[in-house]
Amino acid sequence: MTTSPDHVDSREDLAAFVRSLRRRHTEDGSSWENAALPSFLEALAAWIDDADGWYSNTARELPAGGDWTFFARALQAATVYE
């Protein structure tokens, strides 16, 4: 089970990580700053906008070749996928 974003190296790892987030939300979502979907999505967009700062502050390099289209398609698909 992948519970750290630093250990996501494949599509399967990403799916496992998302499932671990869902489990953690089910167990203790009330402790999340953004427990409701609207605030979660707004925080996600804000973090994406500011990601270069986070990477710089943590002495990491922003991945230039990230597959942003895959992530966007996954988010969109989740609105209708059963």
Protein backbone atom coordinates (compact mmCIF):
# COMPACT_ATOMS: atom_id res chain seq x y z
CA MET A 1 0.00 0.00 0.00
CA THR A 2 1.44 3.35 -1.06
CA THR A 3 0.85 6.00 1.60
CA SER A 4 3.53 8.51 0.61
CA PRO A 5 3.57 10.60 -2.56
CA ASP A 6 7.36 10.15 -2.57
CA HIS A 7 6.87 6.45 -3.35
CA VAL A 8 4.57 6.81 -6.36
CA ASP A 9 6.51 5.49 -9.32
CA SER A 10 3.76 3.96 -11.45
CA ARG A 11 0.11 4.22 -12.35
CA GLU A 12 -0.61 1.39 -9.93
CA ASP A 13 1.20 3.24 -7.14
CA LEU A 14 -0.84 6.37 -7.89
CA ALA A 15 -4.11 4.40 -7.68
CA ALA A 16 -2.98 2.84 -4.39
CA PHE A 17 -2.03 6.27 -3.04
CA VAL A 18 -5.43 7.73 -3.96
CA ARG A 19 -7.12 4.78 -2.26
CA SER A 20 -5.03 5.36 0.87
CA LEU A 21 -6.16 9.00 0.89
CA ARG A 22 -9.78 7.86 0.68
CA ARG A 23 -9.27 5.41 3.55
CA ARG A 24 -7.63 8.10 5.67
CA HIS A 25 -10.49 10.47 4.90
CA THR A 26 -13.02 7.81 5.91
CA GLU A 27 -11.14 7.16 9.15
CA ASP A 28 -10.41 10.77 10.13
CA GLY A 29 -11.53 13.19 7.43
CA SER A 30 -12.77 15.68 10.00
CA SER A 31 -9.14 16.45 10.83
CA TRP A 32 -8.39 17.47 7.23
CA GLU A 33 -8.18 21.17 6.47
CA ASN A 34 -10.11 20.49 3.24
CA ALA A 35 -12.43 17.59 4.03
CA ALA A 36 -15.26 18.66 1.69
CA LEU A 37 -14.85 18.16 -2.06
CA PRO A 38 -15.19 21.86 -3.07
CA SER A 39 -12.49 23.02 -0.66
CA PHE A 40 -10.32 19.99 -1.50
CA LEU A 41 -10.47 20.77 -5.23
CA GLU A 42 -9.79 24.48 -4.61
CA ALA A 43 -6.79 23.60 -2.43
CA LEU A 44 -5.58 21.19 -5.12
CA ALA A 45 -5.75 23.92 -7.76
CA ALA A 46 -4.00 26.40 -5.46
CA TRP A 47 -1.22 23.93 -4.69
CA ILE A 48 -0.74 23.17 -8.39
CA ASP A 49 -0.44 26.92 -9.04
CA ASP A 50 2.14 27.26 -6.24
CA ALA A 51 3.94 23.95 -6.70
CA ASP A 52 7.17 25.57 -7.87
CA GLY A 53 7.43 27.32 -4.49
CA TRP A 54 6.83 24.09 -2.56
CA TYR A 55 9.46 22.28 -4.61
CA SER A 56 11.91 25.12 -4.10
CA ASN A 57 11.22 25.31 -0.34
CA THR A 58 11.79 21.57 0.04
CA ALA A 59 14.96 21.57 -2.11
CA ARG A 60 13.38 19.41 -4.79
CA GLU A 61 13.11 19.91 -8.52
CA LEU A 62 9.67 20.41 -10.07
CA PRO A 63 9.25 17.56 -12.58
CA ALA A 64 9.36 19.19 -16.00
CA GLY A 65 8.00 16.12 -17.77
CA GLY A 66 5.01 15.40 -15.55
CA ASP A 67 2.05 13.93 -17.41
CA TRP A 68 -0.39 16.70 -16.57
CA THR A 69 -2.87 15.51 -19.20
CA PHE A 70 -3.11 12.07 -17.57
CA PHE A 71 -3.85 13.62 -14.18
CA ALA A 72 -6.44 16.02 -15.67
CA ARG A 73 -8.13 13.16 -17.53
CA ALA A 74 -8.21 11.07 -14.35
CA LEU A 75 -9.87 13.90 -12.41
CA GLN A 76 -12.41 14.45 -15.20
CA ALA A 77 -13.14 10.73 -15.57
CA ALA A 78 -13.85 10.43 -11.85
CA THR A 79 -16.88 12.67 -12.34
CA VAL A 80 -18.65 9.94 -14.33
CA TYR A 81 -16.76 6.66 -13.82
CA GLU A 82 -18.48 4.02 -11.72
